[in-house]
Amino acid sequence: MKGRVCMVTGATAGIGLVTARALAGRGAQVVIVGRSAEKGEAAVRDLRRRTGNPQVSFLRADLSRQADVRRLAEAFSTAHPRLDVLVNNAGAIFWRRQVSAEGIEMTLALNHLNYFLLTGLLLDRLRAAAPARIVNVASGAHRRAVLDLDDLQSEKSYYGPRVYANSKLANILFTRALARRLPADEVTANCLHPGFVRSEFGQNNSLWFRIAIRIAMLRAIGVEEGARTSIHLATAEELAGTSGGYFVKRQPAEPTRAALDADTGERLWAASEALTGFRYPL
C-alpha cells in the first residue's frame, strides 16, 4: 500500500479505526474522517504511534450534513490529487425518527446519501488513481429490509431497526449500481457485512436502547475481526478487477433478491440524485 492514498470515514473508533490502522501499517497515506476533532486528533496520534507511519491525518465532518460532505470532499481534493481507496464506513442506527440539517431522515442521510454524495464528489480523484477501490460497509441487516421507494424518508411509518436495515439494503443497491457504471479496470466498488461487532454502535440513542445493545453485544465479535473484510476488500491483490460484489468473512456471498434488483437500484439512484442535487460525472 506504500504510495497509495486512502480515506476511511467513521474512523475514530470501532472497525473504521482498525481499518485505518491496517492501511497505515501497510504504508499507505491515510485520511480518517469523523465528527469529533478531539477524537480525531487522538486517533491520529494513536495510529502514528502504533504503525510508525507519520502519514496519517484527520478531516472533521458530520456526514449526515450534505454541506459537510461537500466541504470534506473539497478539503481532500485540495490537498490530494488522487485517492486510491475510499472506505465508506460511517453509519448509525436511530431509534426515534429525526432529521438532518437539510431536513432529510437521519438514517437515510448518514447511512446512504453520505456514501452516494461523497463517492461522487471524489470520483475524479479515484479515477486519477486508477485502478482504485471503493469499499462500502453494508450489513447482513439488509435481509430484514422492507424498502418503500415511495416513502424513503419513513414519514408514513418509522421503526428504527427496519429503517436501519433499509439503509443497509441501499448500500448494496448503490454499490451494484455504481459497479455497473464504472469500468472495473479503473474503479471497483464492493460492499460487505462486517458481522455483529462489539463497538460503540447504537450509543447515540436512549439509555434503555444503549443497555439493550450492550447486552446483545455480549455475543458480538471484536472490532479486529469485524474489520477484516473491509481490510481485505481494500488491499487484496486477487480482488483487482472484482466489482459489484457483496462479501462476508472475506468471501463472496449472496445478498437478498431485493439487493440484486437492478431496477430498484436505478430508482434508488434517481431518488438519491434528487435528494442530494448531485449528478455523477459519468
Protein backbone atom coordinates (compact mmCIF):
# COMPACT_ATOMS: atom_id res chain seq x y z
CA MET A 1 0.00 0.00 0.00
CA LYS A 2 3.03 2.31 0.00
CA GLY A 3 2.42 5.37 -2.15
CA ARG A 4 -1.35 4.91 -2.04
CA VAL A 5 -3.80 7.38 -0.53
CA CYS A 6 -6.77 6.08 1.43
CA MET A 7 -9.77 7.67 3.14
CA VAL A 8 -11.75 5.90 5.86
CA THR A 9 -14.91 7.53 7.21
CA GLY A 10 -16.16 6.90 10.74
CA ALA A 11 -12.57 6.05 11.64
CA THR A 12 -12.12 7.50 15.13
CA ALA A 13 -13.35 4.26 16.75
CA GLY A 14 -14.56 0.74 16.02
CA ILE A 15 -13.90 -1.10 12.78
CA GLY A 16 -13.13 2.16 10.98
CA LEU A 17 -10.20 2.82 13.29
CA VAL A 18 -8.93 -0.74 12.92
CA THR A 19 -9.25 -0.50 9.13
CA ALA A 20 -7.30 2.77 9.11
CA ARG A 21 -4.61 1.20 11.32
CA ALA A 22 -4.20 -1.72 8.93
CA LEU A 23 -3.87 0.58 5.91
CA ALA A 24 -1.38 2.85 7.69
CA GLY A 25 0.53 -0.21 8.87
CA ARG A 26 0.94 -1.27 5.25
CA GLY A 27 2.48 2.10 4.42
CA ALA A 28 -0.50 3.94 2.93
CA GLN A 29 -1.18 7.63 3.42
CA VAL A 30 -4.43 7.55 5.40
CA VAL A 31 -7.02 10.28 5.91
CA ILE A 32 -9.52 9.48 8.66
CA VAL A 33 -12.87 11.22 8.94
CA GLY A 34 -15.06 11.76 12.00
CA ARG A 35 -17.34 14.26 13.73
CA SER A 36 -15.21 14.99 16.79
CA ALA A 37 -11.97 16.94 16.42
CA GLU A 38 -10.85 15.70 19.85
CA LYS A 39 -11.41 12.05 18.96
CA GLY A 40 -9.90 12.57 15.52
CA GLU A 41 -6.68 14.07 16.85
CA ALA A 42 -6.41 11.31 19.46
CA ALA A 43 -6.92 8.68 16.75
CA VAL A 44 -4.22 10.23 14.58
CA ARG A 45 -1.74 10.15 17.47
CA ASP A 46 -2.65 6.54 18.23
CA LEU A 47 -2.33 5.44 14.60
CA ARG A 48 1.01 7.16 14.09
CA ARG A 49 2.37 5.63 17.30
CA ARG A 50 1.14 2.11 16.60
CA THR A 51 2.15 1.96 12.93
CA GLY A 52 5.22 4.22 12.86
CA ASN A 53 3.62 5.90 9.85
CA PRO A 54 3.54 9.71 10.08
CA GLN A 55 1.28 9.99 7.01
CA VAL A 56 -1.98 9.84 8.92
CA SER A 57 -4.26 12.88 9.04
CA PHE A 58 -7.77 13.82 10.14
CA LEU A 59 -10.60 15.74 8.50
CA ARG A 60 -13.65 16.66 10.55
CA ALA A 61 -17.13 16.27 9.09
CA ASP A 62 -20.64 15.42 10.23
CA LEU A 63 -21.51 13.16 7.33
CA SER A 64 -25.25 13.43 7.92
CA ARG A 65 -24.90 17.02 6.66
CA GLN A 66 -24.54 17.34 2.91
CA ALA A 67 -22.81 20.69 3.35
CA ASP A 68 -20.16 18.95 5.49
CA VAL A 69 -19.79 16.17 2.92
CA ARG A 70 -19.14 18.78 0.23
CA ARG A 71 -16.62 20.63 2.42
CA LEU A 72 -14.87 17.37 3.20
CA ALA A 73 -14.56 16.45 -0.48
CA GLU A 74 -13.26 19.93 -1.30
CA ALA A 75 -10.69 19.86 1.52
CA PHE A 76 -9.47 16.42 0.49
CA SER A 77 -9.31 17.31 -3.20
CA THR A 78 -7.36 20.48 -2.48
CA ALA A 79 -4.71 18.52 -0.60
CA HIS A 80 -4.61 15.29 -2.65
CA PRO A 81 -4.54 14.82 -6.43
CA ARG A 82 -5.55 11.15 -6.12
CA LEU A 83 -7.48 8.71 -3.96
CA ASP A 84 -6.63 5.02 -4.24
CA VAL A 85 -9.09 3.60 -1.70
CA LEU A 86 -12.30 5.08 -0.29
CA VAL A 87 -13.82 3.16 2.62
CA ASN A 88 -17.35 4.39 3.33
CA ASN A 89 -17.74 3.14 6.88
CA ALA A 90 -19.60 5.81 8.87
CA GLY A 91 -23.12 4.93 9.94
CA ALA A 92 -25.54 4.72 12.84
CA ILE A 93 -28.95 3.49 13.99
CA PHE A 94 -31.58 5.93 15.27
CA TRP A 95 -34.33 4.53 17.46
CA ARG A 96 -36.53 7.60 17.09
CA ARG A 97 -37.08 9.43 13.81
CA GLN A 98 -35.03 12.59 13.43
CA VAL A 99 -33.95 14.71 10.51
CA SER A 100 -30.63 16.08 9.31
CA ALA A 101 -29.65 19.72 8.86
CA GLU A 102 -31.15 19.52 5.37
CA GLY A 103 -34.40 18.07 6.69
CA ILE A 104 -33.74 14.51 5.50
CA GLU A 105 -34.48 11.49 7.70
CA MET A 106 -31.23 10.91 9.58
CA THR A 107 -30.64 7.21 8.84
CA LEU A 108 -31.06 7.80 5.11
CA ALA A 109 -28.92 10.94 5.26
CA LEU A 110 -25.99 9.36 7.11
CA ASN A 111 -26.02 5.72 6.09
CA HIS A 112 -26.85 6.07 2.39
CA LEU A 113 -26.82 9.60 0.97
CA ASN A 114 -23.43 10.23 2.62
CA TYR A 115 -21.98 7.25 0.68
CA PHE A 116 -23.66 8.38 -2.52
CA LEU A 117 -22.60 12.02 -2.36
CA LEU A 118 -19.07 11.63 -1.00
CA THR A 119 -18.19 8.94 -3.53
CA GLY A 120 -19.50 11.05 -6.40
CA LEU A 121 -17.63 14.16 -5.27
CA LEU A 122 -14.38 12.20 -5.02
CA LEU A 123 -14.83 10.20 -8.21
CA ASP A 124 -12.37 12.31 -10.19
CA ARG A 125 -9.70 11.67 -7.54
CA LEU A 126 -10.46 7.95 -7.64
CA ARG A 127 -10.19 7.88 -11.41
CA ALA A 128 -6.87 9.71 -11.19
CA ALA A 129 -5.54 6.81 -9.10
CA ALA A 130 -6.85 4.05 -11.40
CA PRO A 131 -7.05 1.23 -10.57
CA ALA A 132 -8.81 2.47 -7.43
CA ARG A 133 -11.25 0.88 -5.00
CA ILE A 134 -14.48 1.85 -3.26
CA VAL A 135 -15.42 -0.21 -0.21
CA ASN A 136 -18.90 0.26 1.24
CA VAL A 137 -19.68 -1.15 4.67
CA ALA A 138 -23.20 -2.58 4.45
CA SER A 139 -24.71 -5.20 6.78
CA GLY A 140 -26.48 -8.52 6.93
CA ALA A 141 -29.29 -6.48 8.46
CA HIS A 142 -30.34 -5.76 4.86
CA ARG A 143 -32.08 -9.15 4.97
CA ARG A 144 -34.74 -7.60 7.22
CA ALA A 145 -35.31 -4.61 4.93
CA VAL A 146 -38.70 -3.59 3.61
CA LEU A 147 -37.70 -0.73 1.34
CA ASP A 148 -40.50 1.53 0.12
CA LEU A 149 -39.12 3.83 -2.55
CA ASP A 150 -42.26 5.94 -2.29
CA ASP A 151 -41.51 6.53 1.41
CA LEU A 152 -37.71 6.66 1.51
CA GLN A 153 -37.76 9.06 4.46
CA SER A 154 -40.05 6.84 6.54
CA GLU A 155 -42.66 9.53 7.04
CA LYS A 156 -45.60 7.10 6.96
CA SER A 157 -44.10 4.60 9.37
CA TYR A 158 -40.88 4.57 11.40
CA TYR A 159 -39.26 1.68 13.25
CA GLY A 160 -35.54 2.23 13.88
CA PRO A 161 -34.19 -1.29 13.21
CA ARG A 162 -36.24 -1.62 10.00
CA VAL A 163 -35.12 1.81 8.74
CA TYR A 164 -31.52 0.85 9.52
CA ALA A 165 -31.98 -2.39 7.57
CA ASN A 166 -33.37 -0.39 4.65
CA SER A 167 -30.28 1.84 4.65
CA LYS A 168 -28.01 -1.21 4.51
CA LEU A 169 -30.00 -2.58 1.59
CA ALA A 170 -29.50 0.82 -0.04
CA ASN A 171 -25.72 0.42 0.44
CA ILE A 172 -25.75 -2.80 -1.58
CA LEU A 173 -28.04 -1.43 -4.28
CA PHE A 174 -25.80 1.65 -4.56
CA THR A 175 -22.65 -0.47 -4.78
CA ARG A 176 -24.07 -2.60 -7.58
CA ALA A 177 -25.42 0.43 -9.48
CA LEU A 178 -22.03 2.11 -9.17
CA ALA A 179 -20.23 -1.01 -10.40
CA ARG A 180 -22.48 -1.04 -13.48
CA ARG A 181 -21.36 2.49 -14.30
CA LEU A 182 -17.61 2.26 -13.69
CA PRO A 183 -15.10 0.24 -15.74
CA ALA A 184 -13.67 -2.32 -13.30
CA ASP A 185 -10.16 -1.74 -14.59
CA GLU A 186 -10.46 1.90 -13.46
CA VAL A 187 -12.51 1.89 -10.24
CA THR A 188 -14.09 -1.07 -8.47
CA ALA A 189 -16.96 -0.91 -5.96
CA ASN A 190 -17.67 -3.69 -3.47
CA CYS A 191 -19.58 -3.93 -0.21
CA LEU A 192 -19.57 -6.15 2.85
CA HIS A 193 -21.18 -7.37 6.03
CA PRO A 194 -18.64 -6.96 8.87
CA GLY A 195 -20.56 -9.18 11.31
CA PHE A 196 -22.24 -8.15 14.54
CA VAL A 197 -19.38 -6.18 16.07
CA ARG A 198 -18.76 -5.20 19.69
CA SER A 199 -18.32 -1.43 19.30
CA GLU A 200 -19.82 1.95 20.18
CA PHE A 201 -22.61 1.35 17.67
CA GLY A 202 -26.04 2.47 18.89
CA GLN A 203 -24.72 4.60 21.74
CA ASN A 204 -26.35 7.73 20.28
CA ASN A 205 -29.78 6.54 21.45
CA SER A 206 -31.81 6.40 24.68
CA LEU A 207 -30.45 4.79 27.83
CA TRP A 208 -32.63 1.69 27.61
CA PHE A 209 -31.70 1.14 23.96
CA ARG A 210 -27.98 1.54 24.81
CA ILE A 211 -28.37 -1.05 27.57
CA ALA A 212 -30.15 -3.44 25.20
CA ILE A 213 -27.38 -3.04 22.62
CA ARG A 214 -24.71 -3.65 25.26
CA ILE A 215 -26.41 -6.86 26.36
CA ALA A 216 -26.74 -8.04 22.75
CA MET A 217 -23.07 -7.29 22.17
CA LEU A 218 -22.06 -9.90 24.72
CA ARG A 219 -22.42 -12.28 21.78
CA ALA A 220 -20.70 -9.97 19.28
CA ILE A 221 -17.29 -10.31 17.64
CA GLY A 222 -14.41 -7.94 18.36
CA VAL A 223 -13.53 -4.95 16.21
CA GLU A 224 -10.35 -6.61 14.92
CA GLU A 225 -12.36 -9.47 13.45
CA GLY A 226 -15.11 -7.10 12.29
CA ALA A 227 -12.65 -5.05 10.24
CA ARG A 228 -11.08 -7.97 8.39
CA THR A 229 -13.39 -7.92 5.39
CA SER A 230 -13.08 -4.14 4.92
CA ILE A 231 -9.28 -4.50 5.01
CA HIS A 232 -9.44 -7.44 2.60
CA LEU A 233 -11.52 -5.54 0.05
CA ALA A 234 -9.21 -2.53 0.32
CA THR A 235 -5.93 -4.41 -0.07
CA ALA A 236 -6.21 -7.93 -1.52
CA GLU A 237 -4.35 -8.20 -4.82
CA GLU A 238 -6.59 -11.03 -6.01
CA LEU A 239 -9.59 -8.68 -5.96
CA ALA A 240 -8.18 -6.39 -8.64
CA GLY A 241 -10.94 -6.00 -11.21
CA THR A 242 -13.62 -7.51 -8.96
CA SER A 243 -16.59 -5.17 -8.73
CA GLY A 244 -20.22 -5.18 -7.62
CA GLY A 245 -19.68 -7.90 -5.03
CA TYR A 246 -21.07 -8.47 -1.54
CA PHE A 247 -18.65 -10.11 0.89
CA VAL A 248 -18.97 -11.83 4.26
CA LYS A 249 -15.95 -13.12 6.18
CA ARG A 250 -13.75 -12.10 3.24
CA GLN A 251 -15.66 -14.38 0.88
CA PRO A 252 -18.20 -13.52 -1.85
CA ALA A 253 -21.74 -14.02 -0.57
CA GLU A 254 -25.24 -13.81 -1.97
CA PRO A 255 -27.36 -10.91 -0.70
CA THR A 256 -31.15 -10.97 -0.84
CA ARG A 257 -33.12 -10.95 -4.07
CA ALA A 258 -34.12 -7.35 -3.32
CA ALA A 259 -30.43 -6.37 -3.19
CA LEU A 260 -29.92 -7.86 -6.67
CA ASP A 261 -32.83 -5.98 -8.26
CA ALA A 262 -31.23 -3.63 -10.80
CA ASP A 263 -34.48 -1.76 -11.42
CA THR A 264 -34.79 -0.93 -7.72
CA GLY A 265 -31.16 0.13 -7.74
CA GLU A 266 -31.76 2.52 -10.62
CA ARG A 267 -34.84 4.00 -8.97
CA LEU A 268 -32.87 4.50 -5.75
CA TRP A 269 -30.06 6.15 -7.77
CA ALA A 270 -32.52 8.63 -9.29
CA ALA A 271 -34.02 9.37 -5.88
CA SER A 272 -30.54 9.90 -4.43
CA GLU A 273 -29.68 12.38 -7.17
CA ALA A 274 -32.86 14.29 -6.37
CA LEU A 275 -32.21 14.34 -2.62
CA THR A 276 -28.59 15.47 -2.99
CA GLY A 277 -28.91 17.66 -6.08
CA PHE A 278 -25.83 15.86 -7.41
CA ARG A 279 -25.33 14.07 -10.72
CA TYR A 280 -22.35 11.78 -11.12
CA PRO A 281 -19.71 12.91 -13.64
CA LEU A 282 -20.02 9.75 -15.72
